[in-house]
Amino acid sequence: MFRPVAVAVAAIAAALTFPAAAYAHHGWSSYDAAKPIKLTAPLSGVSWGNPHGTAKVRYQGKTWDVVLAPTARMEARGLTQAMAGSGRPVTLEGYPRKDGVTEMRIERLTVDGKTIELR
């Protein structure tokens, strides 16, 4: 009798965990592809981690969160942490969040004349 109850409890716990994990990592549908952003500025607060890199940039008088690609993808395409975090101006091309949160998802980044496709 104990075993079926334990299996049921484990199944319920797993089912409740997956939607929370999916919600925690926002989907790309929350960004507005109809409103592309292109800007050139230095990045700050660069985080080279998973599930994807992040940074901050000043845009339209505000500090925006920047969502980059997974670090393995960026490195495979030639972007290093030193290039992104050097304080040099980079050109970012991407999309803002639809809900007005000051966050943008970056499709491509250009630094020192080299363009890296992130998606």
C-alpha atoms as a PDB file:
ATOM      1  CA  MET A   1       0.000   0.000   0.000  1.00  0.00           C
ATOM      2  CA  PHE A   2       2.849   2.388   0.782  1.00  0.00           C
ATOM      3  CA  ARG A   3       4.476   2.074  -2.635  1.00  0.00           C
ATOM      4  CA  PRO A   4       1.481   3.295  -4.753  1.00  0.00           C
ATOM      5  CA  VAL A   5       1.063   6.323  -2.483  1.00  0.00           C
ATOM      6  CA  ALA A   6       4.766   7.205  -2.750  1.00  0.00           C
ATOM      7  CA  VAL A   7       4.650   6.859  -6.546  1.00  0.00           C
ATOM      8  CA  ALA A   8       1.559   9.070  -6.727  1.00  0.00           C
ATOM      9  CA  VAL A   9       3.128  11.731  -4.517  1.00  0.00           C
ATOM     10  CA  ALA A  10       6.329  11.696  -6.616  1.00  0.00           C
ATOM     11  CA  ALA A  11       4.330  11.988  -9.855  1.00  0.00           C
ATOM     12  CA  ILE A  12       2.338  14.940  -8.537  1.00  0.00           C
ATOM     13  CA  ALA A  13       5.495  16.682  -7.310  1.00  0.00           C
ATOM     14  CA  ALA A  14       7.160  16.215 -10.708  1.00  0.00           C
ATOM     15  CA  ALA A  15       4.084  17.491 -12.561  1.00  0.00           C
ATOM     16  CA  LEU A  16       4.034  20.635 -10.422  1.00  0.00           C
ATOM     17  CA  THR A  17       7.761  21.237 -10.867  1.00  0.00           C
ATOM     18  CA  PHE A  18       7.864  21.298 -14.678  1.00  0.00           C
ATOM     19  CA  PRO A  19       5.446  24.232 -15.198  1.00  0.00           C
ATOM     20  CA  ALA A  20       7.355  26.257 -12.597  1.00  0.00           C
ATOM     21  CA  ALA A  21      10.645  25.612 -14.397  1.00  0.00           C
ATOM     22  CA  ALA A  22       9.102  26.517 -17.747  1.00  0.00           C
ATOM     23  CA  TYR A  23       7.704  29.734 -16.306  1.00  0.00           C
ATOM     24  CA  ALA A  24      11.011  30.650 -14.682  1.00  0.00           C
ATOM     25  CA  HIS A  25      12.760  30.562 -18.059  1.00  0.00           C
ATOM     26  CA  HIS A  26      10.691  32.951 -20.110  1.00  0.00           C
ATOM     27  CA  GLY A  27       9.757  31.920 -23.631  1.00  0.00           C
ATOM     28  CA  TRP A  28      10.709  33.953 -26.664  1.00  0.00           C
ATOM     29  CA  SER A  29       7.038  34.769 -27.300  1.00  0.00           C
ATOM     30  CA  SER A  30       7.264  37.435 -24.578  1.00  0.00           C
ATOM     31  CA  TYR A  31       9.411  39.600 -26.898  1.00  0.00           C
ATOM     32  CA  ASP A  32       8.024  41.868 -29.616  1.00  0.00           C
ATOM     33  CA  ALA A  33       9.647  40.990 -32.967  1.00  0.00           C
ATOM     34  CA  ALA A  34       7.611  43.787 -34.585  1.00  0.00           C
ATOM     35  CA  LYS A  35       9.673  46.391 -32.665  1.00  0.00           C
ATOM     36  CA  PRO A  36      13.339  45.694 -33.431  1.00  0.00           C
ATOM     37  CA  ILE A  37      15.965  47.545 -31.407  1.00  0.00           C
ATOM     38  CA  LYS A  38      19.422  48.408 -32.713  1.00  0.00           C
ATOM     39  CA  LEU A  39      21.788  50.354 -30.488  1.00  0.00           C
ATOM     40  CA  THR A  40      25.483  50.846 -29.915  1.00  0.00           C
ATOM     41  CA  ALA A  41      26.713  51.179 -26.323  1.00  0.00           C
ATOM     42  CA  PRO A  42      29.056  49.454 -23.879  1.00  0.00           C
ATOM     43  CA  LEU A  43      27.657  46.557 -21.866  1.00  0.00           C
ATOM     44  CA  SER A  44      27.920  46.403 -18.087  1.00  0.00           C
ATOM     45  CA  GLY A  45      27.265  43.668 -15.555  1.00  0.00           C
ATOM     46  CA  VAL A  46      28.024  40.907 -18.050  1.00  0.00           C
ATOM     47  CA  SER A  47      27.221  37.442 -16.673  1.00  0.00           C
ATOM     48  CA  TRP A  48      28.710  34.536 -18.604  1.00  0.00           C
ATOM     49  CA  GLY A  49      26.526  31.698 -17.364  1.00  0.00           C
ATOM     50  CA  ASN A  50      23.683  29.338 -18.118  1.00  0.00           C
ATOM     51  CA  PRO A  51      20.966  29.030 -19.238  1.00  0.00           C
ATOM     52  CA  HIS A  52      22.197  32.094 -21.173  1.00  0.00           C
ATOM     53  CA  GLY A  53      24.466  35.076 -20.780  1.00  0.00           C
ATOM     54  CA  THR A  54      23.085  38.366 -19.527  1.00  0.00           C
ATOM     55  CA  ALA A  55      24.234  41.963 -19.344  1.00  0.00           C
ATOM     56  CA  LYS A  56      22.952  45.492 -18.824  1.00  0.00           C
ATOM     57  CA  VAL A  57      22.954  48.443 -21.208  1.00  0.00           C
ATOM     58  CA  ARG A  58      21.762  52.057 -21.097  1.00  0.00           C
ATOM     59  CA  TYR A  59      19.020  52.654 -23.673  1.00  0.00           C
ATOM     60  CA  GLN A  60      16.406  55.408 -23.889  1.00  0.00           C
ATOM     61  CA  GLY A  61      17.603  56.848 -20.582  1.00  0.00           C
ATOM     62  CA  LYS A  62      17.072  53.593 -18.670  1.00  0.00           C
ATOM     63  CA  THR A  63      19.125  50.564 -17.714  1.00  0.00           C
ATOM     64  CA  TRP A  64      17.911  47.554 -19.688  1.00  0.00           C
ATOM     65  CA  ASP A  65      18.526  43.873 -18.979  1.00  0.00           C
ATOM     66  CA  VAL A  66      20.068  42.148 -21.993  1.00  0.00           C
ATOM     67  CA  VAL A  67      19.378  38.454 -22.664  1.00  0.00           C
ATOM     68  CA  LEU A  68      22.166  36.859 -24.688  1.00  0.00           C
ATOM     69  CA  ALA A  69      22.573  33.288 -25.978  1.00  0.00           C
ATOM     70  CA  PRO A  70      23.927  30.286 -24.079  1.00  0.00           C
ATOM     71  CA  THR A  71      27.649  30.719 -23.465  1.00  0.00           C
ATOM     72  CA  ALA A  72      28.600  27.595 -25.447  1.00  0.00           C
ATOM     73  CA  ARG A  73      26.807  28.966 -28.517  1.00  0.00           C
ATOM     74  CA  MET A  74      28.382  32.416 -28.197  1.00  0.00           C
ATOM     75  CA  GLU A  75      31.860  30.943 -27.816  1.00  0.00           C
ATOM     76  CA  ALA A  76      31.328  28.521 -30.730  1.00  0.00           C
ATOM     77  CA  ARG A  77      30.407  31.510 -32.903  1.00  0.00           C
ATOM     78  CA  GLY A  78      33.440  33.522 -31.843  1.00  0.00           C
ATOM     79  CA  LEU A  79      32.201  35.754 -29.012  1.00  0.00           C
ATOM     80  CA  THR A  80      34.244  35.635 -25.825  1.00  0.00           C
ATOM     81  CA  GLN A  81      33.431  37.052 -22.423  1.00  0.00           C
ATOM     82  CA  ALA A  82      36.355  39.449 -22.790  1.00  0.00           C
ATOM     83  CA  MET A  83      34.878  40.838 -26.018  1.00  0.00           C
ATOM     84  CA  ALA A  84      31.439  41.388 -24.484  1.00  0.00           C
ATOM     85  CA  GLY A  85      32.654  42.697 -21.136  1.00  0.00           C
ATOM     86  CA  SER A  86      35.524  44.894 -22.177  1.00  0.00           C
ATOM     87  CA  GLY A  87      33.666  48.199 -21.866  1.00  0.00           C
ATOM     88  CA  ARG A  88      34.014  48.744 -25.601  1.00  0.00           C
ATOM     89  CA  PRO A  89      30.868  49.791 -27.434  1.00  0.00           C
ATOM     90  CA  VAL A  90      28.983  46.889 -29.000  1.00  0.00           C
ATOM     91  CA  THR A  91      26.077  47.037 -31.414  1.00  0.00           C
ATOM     92  CA  LEU A  92      23.080  45.040 -30.236  1.00  0.00           C
ATOM     93  CA  GLU A  93      20.158  43.998 -32.414  1.00  0.00           C
ATOM     94  CA  GLY A  94      17.148  42.416 -30.784  1.00  0.00           C
ATOM     95  CA  TYR A  95      13.646  42.825 -29.444  1.00  0.00           C
ATOM     96  CA  PRO A  96      12.049  44.379 -26.343  1.00  0.00           C
ATOM     97  CA  ARG A  97       9.673  42.590 -23.997  1.00  0.00           C
ATOM     98  CA  LYS A  98       6.012  43.022 -24.905  1.00  0.00           C
ATOM     99  CA  ASP A  99       4.960  43.816 -21.331  1.00  0.00           C
ATOM    100  CA  GLY A 100       7.095  46.961 -21.046  1.00  0.00           C
ATOM    101  CA  VAL A 101       9.754  45.463 -18.771  1.00  0.00           C
ATOM    102  CA  THR A 102      13.110  47.031 -19.699  1.00  0.00           C
ATOM    103  CA  GLU A 103      14.590  43.828 -21.067  1.00  0.00           C
ATOM    104  CA  MET A 104      15.680  42.927 -24.582  1.00  0.00           C
ATOM    105  CA  ARG A 105      16.501  39.623 -26.256  1.00  0.00           C
ATOM    106  CA  ILE A 106      19.526  39.953 -28.512  1.00  0.00           C
ATOM    107  CA  GLU A 107      19.629  38.311 -31.941  1.00  0.00           C
ATOM    108  CA  ARG A 108      23.059  39.569 -32.990  1.00  0.00           C
ATOM    109  CA  LEU A 109      25.949  41.439 -31.472  1.00  0.00           C
ATOM    110  CA  THR A 110      28.700  43.309 -33.312  1.00  0.00           C
ATOM    111  CA  VAL A 111      32.011  44.108 -31.638  1.00  0.00           C
ATOM    112  CA  ASP A 112      35.233  45.317 -33.282  1.00  0.00           C
ATOM    113  CA  GLY A 113      33.600  44.947 -36.708  1.00  0.00           C
ATOM    114  CA  LYS A 114      32.696  41.283 -36.136  1.00  0.00           C
ATOM    115  CA  THR A 115      28.997  40.323 -36.122  1.00  0.00           C
ATOM    116  CA  ILE A 116      27.976  37.267 -34.126  1.00  0.00           C
ATOM    117  CA  GLU A 117      24.559  35.686 -34.687  1.00  0.00           C
ATOM    118  CA  LEU A 118      23.244  34.614 -31.295  1.00  0.00           C
ATOM    119  CA  ARG A 119      20.056  32.779 -32.284  1.00  0.00           C
END
